[in-house]
C-alpha atoms as a PDB file:
ATOM      1  CA  MET A   1     140.875 107.795 143.188  1.00  0.00           C
ATOM      2  CA  TYR A   2     140.886 110.673 140.670  1.00  0.00           C
ATOM      3  CA  ASP A   3     137.196 111.435 140.831  1.00  0.00           C
ATOM      4  CA  SER A   4     137.431 115.225 140.634  1.00  0.00           C
ATOM      5  CA  ASP A   5     139.259 117.871 138.626  1.00  0.00           C
ATOM      6  CA  ASP A   6     140.972 119.135 141.769  1.00  0.00           C
ATOM      7  CA  LYS A   7     142.594 115.751 142.422  1.00  0.00           C
ATOM      8  CA  ILE A   8     143.762 115.413 138.817  1.00  0.00           C
ATOM      9  CA  ARG A   9     145.076 118.975 138.844  1.00  0.00           C
ATOM     10  CA  THR A  10     146.938 118.296 142.086  1.00  0.00           C
ATOM     11  CA  PHE A  11     148.534 115.177 140.595  1.00  0.00           C
ATOM     12  CA  TYR A  12     149.857 117.002 137.531  1.00  0.00           C
ATOM     13  CA  ALA A  13     151.128 119.908 139.628  1.00  0.00           C
ATOM     14  CA  ALA A  14     153.068 117.487 141.849  1.00  0.00           C
ATOM     15  CA  MET A  15     154.453 115.657 138.822  1.00  0.00           C
ATOM     16  CA  LEU A  16     155.693 118.874 137.209  1.00  0.00           C
ATOM     17  CA  ASP A  17     157.398 119.845 140.461  1.00  0.00           C
ATOM     18  CA  ARG A  18     159.163 116.471 140.635  1.00  0.00           C
ATOM     19  CA  LEU A  19     160.286 116.637 137.017  1.00  0.00           C
ATOM     20  CA  ALA A  20     161.563 120.194 137.392  1.00  0.00           C
ATOM     21  CA  ALA A  21     163.844 118.973 140.195  1.00  0.00           C
ATOM     22  CA  GLU A  22     165.336 116.174 138.055  1.00  0.00           C
ATOM     23  CA  PRO A  23     168.882 116.727 136.708  1.00  0.00           C
ATOM     24  CA  GLY A  24     168.983 117.446 132.989  1.00  0.00           C
ATOM     25  CA  VAL A  25     165.484 118.952 132.873  1.00  0.00           C
ATOM     26  CA  ALA A  26     165.434 122.563 131.675  1.00  0.00           C
ATOM     27  CA  ARG A  27     161.704 123.233 131.293  1.00  0.00           C
ATOM     28  CA  VAL A  28     158.565 121.244 132.014  1.00  0.00           C
ATOM     29  CA  ALA A  29     154.896 121.816 131.221  1.00  0.00           C
ATOM     30  CA  ALA A  30     151.628 120.008 130.621  1.00  0.00           C
ATOM     31  CA  ALA A  31     148.883 120.690 128.106  1.00  0.00           C
ATOM     32  CA  SER A  32     145.686 119.181 126.811  1.00  0.00           C
ATOM     33  CA  LEU A  33     147.288 119.095 123.353  1.00  0.00           C
ATOM     34  CA  VAL A  34     150.835 119.768 122.191  1.00  0.00           C
ATOM     35  CA  PRO A  35     151.935 120.810 118.682  1.00  0.00           C
ATOM     36  CA  LEU A  36     151.546 118.087 116.025  1.00  0.00           C
ATOM     37  CA  ALA A  37     149.213 116.099 118.303  1.00  0.00           C
ATOM     38  CA  GLY A  38     145.864 117.086 116.778  1.00  0.00           C
ATOM     39  CA  GLY A  39     143.352 119.822 117.395  1.00  0.00           C
ATOM     40  CA  ASN A  40     140.338 120.867 119.423  1.00  0.00           C
ATOM     41  CA  ASP A  41     138.346 123.977 118.580  1.00  0.00           C
ATOM     42  CA  THR A  42     135.408 125.864 120.035  1.00  0.00           C
ATOM     43  CA  SER A  43     133.351 128.884 119.094  1.00  0.00           C
ATOM     44  CA  VAL A  44     134.454 132.345 120.209  1.00  0.00           C
ATOM     45  CA  HIS A  45     133.325 135.925 119.622  1.00  0.00           C
ATOM     46  CA  LEU A  46     134.041 139.421 120.864  1.00  0.00           C
ATOM     47  CA  GLU A  47     132.192 140.512 123.960  1.00  0.00           C
ATOM     48  CA  GLY A  48     129.042 142.374 122.980  1.00  0.00           C
ATOM     49  CA  ARG A  49     129.180 141.092 119.383  1.00  0.00           C
ATOM     50  CA  PRO A  50     127.517 137.677 119.364  1.00  0.00           C
ATOM     51  CA  PRO A  51     127.006 135.989 115.983  1.00  0.00           C
ATOM     52  CA  ALA A  52     123.602 136.543 114.435  1.00  0.00           C
ATOM     53  CA  SER A  53     123.356 132.905 113.293  1.00  0.00           C
ATOM     54  CA  ASP A  54     125.266 129.642 113.394  1.00  0.00           C
ATOM     55  CA  ARG A  55     126.723 130.375 109.963  1.00  0.00           C
ATOM     56  CA  GLU A  56     128.431 133.484 111.326  1.00  0.00           C
ATOM     57  CA  LYS A  57     130.123 131.693 114.213  1.00  0.00           C
ATOM     58  CA  ARG A  58     133.900 131.787 114.331  1.00  0.00           C
ATOM     59  CA  TYR A  59     136.066 129.059 115.767  1.00  0.00           C
ATOM     60  CA  ALA A  60     139.558 128.831 117.217  1.00  0.00           C
ATOM     61  CA  GLN A  61     141.777 126.099 118.581  1.00  0.00           C
ATOM     62  CA  VAL A  62     141.874 125.930 122.380  1.00  0.00           C
ATOM     63  CA  ARG A  63     144.653 124.558 124.599  1.00  0.00           C
ATOM     64  CA  SER A  64     144.586 124.091 128.355  1.00  0.00           C
ATOM     65  CA  VAL A  65     148.168 124.607 129.596  1.00  0.00           C
ATOM     66  CA  PHE A  66     149.991 124.020 132.847  1.00  0.00           C
ATOM     67  CA  GLY A  67     153.446 125.272 133.835  1.00  0.00           C
ATOM     68  CA  ALA A  68     156.015 126.968 131.559  1.00  0.00           C
ATOM     69  CA  PHE A  69     154.312 125.886 128.348  1.00  0.00           C
ATOM     70  CA  PHE A  70     155.558 128.671 126.064  1.00  0.00           C
ATOM     71  CA  ASP A  71     159.168 128.403 127.253  1.00  0.00           C
ATOM     72  CA  THR A  72     159.117 124.621 126.912  1.00  0.00           C
ATOM     73  CA  PHE A  73     158.075 124.795 123.249  1.00  0.00           C
ATOM     74  CA  SER A  74     160.044 127.993 122.496  1.00  0.00           C
ATOM     75  CA  ILE A  75     156.899 129.889 121.491  1.00  0.00           C
ATOM     76  CA  PRO A  76     157.908 133.571 121.563  1.00  0.00           C
ATOM     77  CA  LEU A  77     155.930 136.124 123.539  1.00  0.00           C
ATOM     78  CA  SER A  78     154.950 139.026 121.252  1.00  0.00           C
ATOM     79  CA  ALA A  79     153.074 141.205 123.746  1.00  0.00           C
ATOM     80  CA  GLY A  80     151.758 141.111 127.284  1.00  0.00           C
ATOM     81  CA  ARG A  81     152.721 138.297 129.640  1.00  0.00           C
ATOM     82  CA  PRO A  82     152.301 134.518 129.989  1.00  0.00           C
ATOM     83  CA  PHE A  83     150.359 132.811 132.747  1.00  0.00           C
ATOM     84  CA  ASP A  84     151.741 133.105 136.281  1.00  0.00           C
ATOM     85  CA  ASP A  85     150.589 132.791 139.884  1.00  0.00           C
ATOM     86  CA  ARG A  86     148.108 135.610 139.381  1.00  0.00           C
ATOM     87  CA  ASP A  87     146.124 133.368 137.056  1.00  0.00           C
ATOM     88  CA  VAL A  88     145.779 130.488 139.509  1.00  0.00           C
ATOM     89  CA  GLU A  89     142.482 131.798 140.748  1.00  0.00           C
ATOM     90  CA  ALA A  90     139.713 130.923 138.322  1.00  0.00           C
ATOM     91  CA  ALA A  91     138.131 134.313 138.965  1.00  0.00           C
ATOM     92  CA  ARG A  92     140.986 135.919 137.018  1.00  0.00           C
ATOM     93  CA  ARG A  93     139.626 134.443 133.759  1.00  0.00           C
ATOM     94  CA  SER A  94     142.618 135.293 131.584  1.00  0.00           C
ATOM     95  CA  ILE A  95     143.554 134.052 128.136  1.00  0.00           C
ATOM     96  CA  VAL A  96     146.606 134.147 125.855  1.00  0.00           C
ATOM     97  CA  ILE A  97     146.094 134.182 122.083  1.00  0.00           C
ATOM     98  CA  ASN A  98     148.448 133.798 119.137  1.00  0.00           C
ATOM     99  CA  ARG A  99     149.171 136.431 116.487  1.00  0.00           C
ATOM    100  CA  GLU A 100     146.826 134.868 113.942  1.00  0.00           C
ATOM    101  CA  MET A 101     143.897 135.126 116.337  1.00  0.00           C
ATOM    102  CA  ALA A 102     144.859 138.675 117.317  1.00  0.00           C
ATOM    103  CA  GLU A 103     144.826 139.701 113.640  1.00  0.00           C
ATOM    104  CA  GLN A 104     141.431 138.098 113.066  1.00  0.00           C
ATOM    105  CA  PHE A 105     139.626 139.400 116.158  1.00  0.00           C
ATOM    106  CA  PHE A 106     141.533 142.643 116.838  1.00  0.00           C
ATOM    107  CA  PRO A 107     142.720 143.790 113.398  1.00  0.00           C
ATOM    108  CA  SER A 108     143.007 147.505 114.185  1.00  0.00           C
ATOM    109  CA  VAL A 109     143.202 147.709 117.988  1.00  0.00           C
ATOM    110  CA  ASP A 110     145.521 146.500 120.723  1.00  0.00           C
ATOM    111  CA  PRO A 111     144.380 142.996 121.705  1.00  0.00           C
ATOM    112  CA  LEU A 112     145.694 143.313 125.269  1.00  0.00           C
ATOM    113  CA  GLY A 113     142.770 143.884 127.578  1.00  0.00           C
ATOM    114  CA  GLY A 114     140.285 142.765 124.938  1.00  0.00           C
ATOM    115  CA  ARG A 115     137.514 140.481 126.073  1.00  0.00           C
ATOM    116  CA  LEU A 116     136.426 137.309 124.313  1.00  0.00           C
ATOM    117  CA  VAL A 117     133.442 135.074 124.990  1.00  0.00           C
ATOM    118  CA  VAL A 118     134.492 131.423 124.668  1.00  0.00           C
ATOM    119  CA  ASP A 119     132.168 128.435 124.636  1.00  0.00           C
ATOM    120  CA  PHE A 120     133.348 125.972 127.334  1.00  0.00           C
ATOM    121  CA  GLY A 121     129.978 124.273 127.521  1.00  0.00           C
ATOM    122  CA  LYS A 122     128.618 127.621 128.626  1.00  0.00           C
ATOM    123  CA  PRO A 123     129.701 131.117 127.536  1.00  0.00           C
ATOM    124  CA  THR A 124     132.765 132.287 129.493  1.00  0.00           C
ATOM    125  CA  THR A 125     134.175 135.808 129.203  1.00  0.00           C
ATOM    126  CA  LEU A 126     137.990 135.961 129.220  1.00  0.00           C
ATOM    127  CA  GLU A 127     140.458 138.851 129.144  1.00  0.00           C
ATOM    128  CA  VAL A 128     143.451 138.775 126.793  1.00  0.00           C
ATOM    129  CA  ILE A 129     146.675 139.125 128.803  1.00  0.00           C
ATOM    130  CA  GLY A 130     149.238 138.081 126.200  1.00  0.00           C
ATOM    131  CA  VAL A 131     149.962 137.444 122.528  1.00  0.00           C
ATOM    132  CA  VAL A 132     152.375 134.701 121.429  1.00  0.00           C
ATOM    133  CA  GLY A 133     153.781 133.522 118.120  1.00  0.00           C
ATOM    134  CA  ASN A 134     151.980 131.276 115.670  1.00  0.00           C
ATOM    135  CA  VAL A 135     152.431 127.510 115.636  1.00  0.00           C
ATOM    136  CA  ARG A 136     152.028 125.161 112.669  1.00  0.00           C
ATOM    137  CA  GLU A 137     149.876 122.669 114.515  1.00  0.00           C
ATOM    138  CA  TRP A 138     149.654 120.140 111.666  1.00  0.00           C
ATOM    139  CA  GLY A 139     153.191 120.096 110.335  1.00  0.00           C
ATOM    140  CA  PRO A 140     155.708 122.363 108.574  1.00  0.00           C
ATOM    141  CA  THR A 141     153.497 122.723 105.496  1.00  0.00           C
ATOM    142  CA  GLY A 142     150.248 123.225 107.412  1.00  0.00           C
ATOM    143  CA  ILE A 143     148.420 126.438 108.178  1.00  0.00           C
ATOM    144  CA  GLU A 144     148.843 128.527 111.301  1.00  0.00           C
ATOM    145  CA  PRO A 145     145.376 128.388 112.887  1.00  0.00           C
ATOM    146  CA  PRO A 146     144.061 130.856 115.465  1.00  0.00           C
ATOM    147  CA  ILE A 147     144.815 129.418 118.908  1.00  0.00           C
ATOM    148  CA  MET A 148     143.836 130.510 122.393  1.00  0.00           C
ATOM    149  CA  TYR A 149     145.572 129.215 125.502  1.00  0.00           C
ATOM    150  CA  VAL A 150     143.802 129.068 128.845  1.00  0.00           C
ATOM    151  CA  SER A 151     145.203 128.193 132.236  1.00  0.00           C
ATOM    152  CA  ALA A 152     144.513 124.662 133.434  1.00  0.00           C
ATOM    153  CA  HIS A 153     143.208 126.226 136.636  1.00  0.00           C
ATOM    154  CA  LEU A 154     140.360 127.713 134.592  1.00  0.00           C
ATOM    155  CA  ALA A 155     139.559 125.028 132.020  1.00  0.00           C
ATOM    156  CA  PHE A 156     141.076 121.693 132.939  1.00  0.00           C
ATOM    157  CA  SER A 157     141.399 118.594 130.768  1.00  0.00           C
ATOM    158  CA  ALA A 158     141.398 115.177 132.422  1.00  0.00           C
ATOM    159  CA  ILE A 159     143.943 113.929 129.871  1.00  0.00           C
ATOM    160  CA  MET A 160     147.110 116.022 129.805  1.00  0.00           C
ATOM    161  CA  ARG A 161     150.367 115.566 127.914  1.00  0.00           C
ATOM    162  CA  VAL A 162     153.553 116.277 129.829  1.00  0.00           C
ATOM    163  CA  ALA A 163     156.292 118.054 127.846  1.00  0.00           C
ATOM    164  CA  VAL A 164     159.900 118.204 129.007  1.00  0.00           C
ATOM    165  CA  ARG A 165     162.752 120.220 127.479  1.00  0.00           C
ATOM    166  CA  SER A 166     166.003 118.529 128.364  1.00  0.00           C
ATOM    167  CA  ALA A 167     169.340 120.219 128.924  1.00  0.00           C
ATOM    168  CA  GLY A 168     171.246 117.030 128.084  1.00  0.00           C
ATOM    169  CA  ASP A 169     170.499 113.646 126.573  1.00  0.00           C
ATOM    170  CA  PRO A 170     166.769 113.436 125.704  1.00  0.00           C
ATOM    171  CA  ALA A 171     166.808 109.656 126.175  1.00  0.00           C
ATOM    172  CA  ALA A 172     167.580 110.087 129.878  1.00  0.00           C
ATOM    173  CA  VAL A 173     164.406 112.125 130.399  1.00  0.00           C
ATOM    174  CA  GLY A 174     162.177 109.111 129.765  1.00  0.00           C
ATOM    175  CA  GLY A 175     163.398 107.381 132.893  1.00  0.00           C
ATOM    176  CA  ALA A 176     162.836 110.529 134.959  1.00  0.00           C
ATOM    177  CA  ILE A 177     159.231 110.768 133.757  1.00  0.00           C
ATOM    178  CA  ARG A 178     158.520 107.142 134.661  1.00  0.00           C
ATOM    179  CA  ARG A 179     160.119 107.530 138.084  1.00  0.00           C
ATOM    180  CA  ALA A 180     158.078 110.654 138.821  1.00  0.00           C
ATOM    181  CA  ALA A 181     154.808 108.975 137.821  1.00  0.00           C
ATOM    182  CA  ARG A 182     155.628 105.840 139.832  1.00  0.00           C
ATOM    183  CA  ALA A 183     156.541 107.862 142.911  1.00  0.00           C
ATOM    184  CA  LEU A 184     153.168 109.614 142.862  1.00  0.00           C
ATOM    185  CA  ASP A 185     151.030 106.586 142.041  1.00  0.00           C
ATOM    186  CA  ARG A 186     152.331 103.063 141.489  1.00  0.00           C
ATOM    187  CA  ASN A 187     149.122 102.078 139.736  1.00  0.00           C
ATOM    188  CA  LEU A 188     149.650 104.566 136.914  1.00  0.00           C
ATOM    189  CA  ALA A 189     151.537 103.634 133.753  1.00  0.00           C
ATOM    190  CA  VAL A 190     153.087 106.064 131.280  1.00  0.00           C
ATOM    191  CA  ALA A 191     151.482 105.331 127.925  1.00  0.00           C
ATOM    192  CA  ARG A 192     154.166 106.627 125.569  1.00  0.00           C
ATOM    193  CA  ILE A 193     157.337 108.689 125.612  1.00  0.00           C
ATOM    194  CA  GLU A 194     158.808 110.001 122.376  1.00  0.00           C
ATOM    195  CA  PRO A 195     160.907 113.004 121.331  1.00  0.00           C
ATOM    196  CA  MET A 196     159.340 115.743 119.226  1.00  0.00           C
ATOM    197  CA  SER A 197     161.648 114.744 116.373  1.00  0.00           C
ATOM    198  CA  GLN A 198     159.895 111.374 116.243  1.00  0.00           C
ATOM    199  CA  THR A 199     156.488 113.049 116.365  1.00  0.00           C
ATOM    200  CA  LEU A 200     157.502 115.270 113.455  1.00  0.00           C
ATOM    201  CA  ALA A 201     158.833 112.291 111.485  1.00  0.00           C
ATOM    202  CA  THR A 202     155.530 110.465 111.982  1.00  0.00           C
ATOM    203  CA  ARG A 203     153.612 113.514 110.790  1.00  0.00           C
ATOM    204  CA  LEU A 204     155.808 113.774 107.661  1.00  0.00           C
ATOM    205  CA  ALA A 205     155.813 110.050 106.837  1.00  0.00           C
ATOM    206  CA  GLN A 206     152.816 110.085 104.478  1.00  0.00           C
ATOM    207  CA  PRO A 207     153.803 113.291 102.605  1.00  0.00           C
ATOM    208  CA  ARG A 208     157.299 111.867 102.107  1.00  0.00           C
ATOM    209  CA  LEU A 209     155.860 108.586 100.822  1.00  0.00           C
ATOM    210  CA  ARG A 210     153.638 110.428  98.341  1.00  0.00           C
ATOM    211  CA  THR A 211     156.611 112.496  97.177  1.00  0.00           C
ATOM    212  CA  ALA A 212     158.759 109.383  96.711  1.00  0.00           C
ATOM    213  CA  LEU A 213     156.021 107.630  94.704  1.00  0.00           C
ATOM    214  CA  LEU A 214     155.500 110.691  92.518  1.00  0.00           C
ATOM    215  CA  ALA A 215     159.244 110.953  91.879  1.00  0.00           C
ATOM    216  CA  GLY A 216     159.383 107.243  91.002  1.00  0.00           C
ATOM    217  CA  PHE A 217     156.523 107.488  88.500  1.00  0.00           C
ATOM    218  CA  ALA A 218     158.075 110.606  86.987  1.00  0.00           C
ATOM    219  CA  GLY A 219     161.391 108.769  86.600  1.00  0.00           C
ATOM    220  CA  VAL A 220     159.708 105.852  84.816  1.00  0.00           C
ATOM    221  CA  ALA A 221     157.880 108.265  82.497  1.00  0.00           C
ATOM    222  CA  LEU A 222     161.150 110.052  81.711  1.00  0.00           C
ATOM    223  CA  LEU A 223     162.884 106.743  80.954  1.00  0.00           C
ATOM    224  CA  LEU A 224     160.100 105.677  78.583  1.00  0.00           C
ATOM    225  CA  THR A 225     160.273 109.066  76.867  1.00  0.00           C
ATOM    226  CA  LEU A 226     164.033 108.764  76.369  1.00  0.00           C
ATOM    227  CA  ILE A 227     163.654 105.244  74.966  1.00  0.00           C
ATOM    228  CA  GLY A 228     161.008 106.485  72.541  1.00  0.00           C
ATOM    229  CA  LEU A 229     163.152 109.407  71.426  1.00  0.00           C
ATOM    230  CA  TYR A 230     166.139 107.115  70.908  1.00  0.00           C
ATOM    231  CA  GLY A 231     164.070 104.865  68.714  1.00  0.00           C
ATOM    232  CA  ALA A 232     162.769 107.792  66.658  1.00  0.00           C
ATOM    233  CA  CYS A 233     165.932 109.870  66.277  1.00  0.00           C
ATOM    234  CA  PRO A 234     168.254 109.075  63.304  1.00  0.00           C
ATOM    235  CA  THR A 235     171.644 107.477  63.944  1.00  0.00           C
ATOM    236  CA  PRO A 236     174.334 106.613  61.331  1.00  0.00           C
ATOM    237  CA  TRP A 237     174.707 102.967  62.379  1.00  0.00           C
ATOM    238  CA  ARG A 238     171.016 102.305  61.777  1.00  0.00           C
ATOM    239  CA  GLY A 239     171.407 103.239  58.115  1.00  0.00           C
ATOM    240  CA  ASP A 240     168.808 105.989  57.946  1.00  0.00           C
ATOM    241  CA  GLY A 241     171.216 108.396  56.276  1.00  0.00           C
ATOM    242  CA  GLY A 242     171.003 110.970  59.054  1.00  0.00           C
ATOM    243  CA  ARG A 243     167.560 112.075  57.971  1.00  0.00           C
ATOM    244  CA  SER A 244     165.197 113.666  60.468  1.00  0.00           C
ATOM    245  CA  ALA A 245     163.063 111.267  62.447  1.00  0.00           C
ATOM    246  CA  PHE A 246     160.156 113.630  61.987  1.00  0.00           C
ATOM    247  CA  ALA A 247     160.254 113.642  58.186  1.00  0.00           C
ATOM    248  CA  PRO A 248     156.977 113.304  56.254  1.00  0.00           C
ATOM    249  CA  ARG A 249     155.307 109.954  56.517  1.00  0.00           C
ATOM    250  CA  TRP A 250     155.773 109.066  52.848  1.00  0.00           C
ATOM    251  CA  GLU A 251     159.515 109.742  53.068  1.00  0.00           C
ATOM    252  CA  ARG A 252     159.952 107.360  55.975  1.00  0.00           C
ATOM    253  CA  ASN A 253     157.900 104.752  54.138  1.00  0.00           C
ATOM    254  CA  LEU A 254     160.128 104.988  51.071  1.00  0.00           C
ATOM    255  CA  ARG A 255     163.218 104.303  53.123  1.00  0.00           C
ATOM    256  CA  LYS A 256     161.568 101.282  54.736  1.00  0.00           C
ATOM    257  CA  CYS A 257     160.489  99.912  51.337  1.00  0.00           C
ATOM    258  CA  ASP A 258     164.004 100.295  49.912  1.00  0.00           C
ATOM    259  CA  GLU A 259     165.515  98.401  52.817  1.00  0.00           C
ATOM    260  CA  TRP A 260     163.005  95.614  52.295  1.00  0.00           C
ATOM    261  CA  CYS A 261     163.599  94.976  48.615  1.00  0.00           C
ATOM    262  CA  CYS A 262     167.372  95.305  48.111  1.00  0.00           C
ATOM    263  CA  GLY A 263     169.090  96.408  51.278  1.00  0.00           C
ATOM    264  CA  ARG A 264     169.985  99.822  52.589  1.00  0.00           C
ATOM    265  CA  ALA A 265     171.512 101.235  49.395  1.00  0.00           C
ATOM    266  CA  PRO A 266     169.421 104.147  48.081  1.00  0.00           C
ATOM    267  CA  HIS A 267     167.284 103.681  44.972  1.00  0.00           C
ATOM    268  CA  TRP A 268     168.988 106.228  42.785  1.00  0.00           C
ATOM    269  CA  TRP A 269     166.179 107.701  40.743  1.00  0.00           C
ATOM    270  CA  ARG A 270     162.932 106.913  42.488  1.00  0.00           C
ATOM    271  CA  GLN A 271     163.836 107.842  46.033  1.00  0.00           C
ATOM    272  CA  ASP A 272     166.067 110.824  45.254  1.00  0.00           C
ATOM    273  CA  SER A 273     163.709 112.403  42.761  1.00  0.00           C
ATOM    274  CA  ALA A 274     160.734 111.965  45.044  1.00  0.00           C
ATOM    275  CA  LEU A 275     162.497 113.396  48.055  1.00  0.00           C
ATOM    276  CA  ALA A 276     163.839 116.324  46.071  1.00  0.00           C
ATOM    277  CA  ALA A 277     160.410 117.092  44.691  1.00  0.00           C
ATOM    278  CA  GLY A 278     158.844 116.840  48.137  1.00  0.00           C
ATOM    279  CA  ARG A 279     156.022 114.594  47.005  1.00  0.00           C
ATOM    280  CA  ARG A 280     155.014 110.968  46.759  1.00  0.00           C
ATOM    281  CA  LEU A 281     156.363 108.682  44.015  1.00  0.00           C
ATOM    282  CA  PRO A 282     154.306 108.025  40.883  1.00  0.00           C
ATOM    283  CA  ARG A 283     151.798 105.251  40.962  1.00  0.00           C
ATOM    284  CA  PRO A 284     154.101 102.416  39.775  1.00  0.00           C
ATOM    285  CA  ALA A 285     156.512 103.089  42.618  1.00  0.00           C
ATOM    286  CA  CYS A 286     153.729 103.441  45.148  1.00  0.00           C
ATOM    287  CA  CYS A 287     152.542  99.983  44.223  1.00  0.00           C
ATOM    288  CA  LEU A 288     155.833  98.533  45.510  1.00  0.00           C
ATOM    289  CA  LEU A 289     155.767  95.941  42.666  1.00  0.00           C
ATOM    290  CA  SER A 290     159.358  96.275  41.484  1.00  0.00           C
ATOM    291  CA  CYS A 291     162.698  97.886  42.203  1.00  0.00           C
ATOM    292  CA  SER A 292     164.316  99.900  39.385  1.00  0.00           C
ATOM    293  CA  ARG A 293     167.837  99.182  40.663  1.00  0.00           C
ATOM    294  CA  CYS A 294     167.840  95.470  41.373  1.00  0.00           C
ATOM    295  CA  GLY A 295     164.801  94.452  39.350  1.00  0.00           C
ATOM    296  CA  ARG A 296     163.520  92.339  42.187  1.00  0.00           C
ATOM    297  CA  ALA A 297     159.803  91.787  42.198  1.00  0.00           C
ATOM    298  CA  THR A 298     157.947  92.800  45.335  1.00  0.00           C
ATOM    299  CA  PRO A 299     154.825  90.705  45.852  1.00  0.00           C
ATOM    300  CA  PRO A 300     151.992  92.884  47.112  1.00  0.00           C
ATOM    301  CA  SER A 301     151.047  90.273  49.699  1.00  0.00           C
ATOM    302  CA  SER A 302     154.495  90.434  51.345  1.00  0.00           C
ATOM    303  CA  ALA A 303     155.118  94.168  51.042  1.00  0.00           C
ATOM    304  CA  PRO A 304     155.611  95.807  54.455  1.00  0.00           C
ATOM    305  CA  SER A 305     152.427  97.507  55.631  1.00  0.00           C
ATOM    306  CA  LEU A 306     154.214 100.367  57.351  1.00  0.00           C
ATOM    307  CA  PHE A 307     151.417 102.889  56.988  1.00  0.00           C
ATOM    308  CA  ALA A 308     147.886 102.932  55.739  1.00  0.00           C
ATOM    309  CA  TRP A 309     148.554 104.654  52.402  1.00  0.00           C
ATOM    310  CA  PRO A 310     150.783 101.925  50.790  1.00  0.00           C
ATOM    311  CA  SER A 311     148.065  99.342  51.347  1.00  0.00           C
ATOM    312  CA  ARG A 312     145.507 101.654  49.756  1.00  0.00           C
ATOM    313  CA  ALA A 313     147.880 102.200  46.817  1.00  0.00           C
ATOM    314  CA  LEU A 314     148.274  98.446  46.323  1.00  0.00           C
ATOM    315  CA  SER A 315     144.522  98.050  46.173  1.00  0.00           C
ATOM    316  CA  ARG A 316     144.371 100.554  43.323  1.00  0.00           C
ATOM    317  CA  CYS A 317     147.052  98.825  41.183  1.00  0.00           C
END
């Protein structure tokens, strides 16, 4: 039934007219691609300035639009005019570009009236009639690519997406779209209807998941760090005398040895003199063989191997 571009174009034109007459519909348009729905680019160059080689080719996104596309998506018009009835005839060969493309191809001149050669299977020369605002085609954090919009009467796509801006409840628009499609052709089925908010949520789903996972791993790392700091920092109820957790290694070892042999009471002359002098104990104390306060013998085999140097000292005794 739809064996030619003219028939497909006629169908979409009739559908837009039906939707525009529905209550609650403010704007309606159709396009080969809408924002957040992917991309399609082609090579383009200024008229009279073809690229010298394939490496010098420049590319831009291209959209075939039908109806009040810019008003439907609230894309502001910066200069010139949008498409109208004057652009219905293919001989007009007009094009609308966004600001990013105007800055790249016409950095120091007025882009209106400029002529671009676009590859639509064969080189086609088009005249710039308008400049519109940039669109983040791949999400809020994506880039703003150069985009050119052409009238569907010039370059038509067999698969078009219908966009409707509602003046009331967006959920009621879905029924109007299905009724319009069924009235034109009962054999056609509407594939999917979803609000732009849902399209945006789908686009942001993976970045949000990555952010949540990163935050979760960071929280676990912070918790482990806090647990480690709690275990290292001195506290009065642990009996470390309020000494710094980052004291020299031999000082920490002395405290551990004292706790092992006769409890947490300080060894009055060995520990205090060593700590005051800022050095290790003499060899007899390093051997951990006896305690000068309680006289308890400390078997070398059961002495706590807290660090490497006590074990080396025992081997020298």
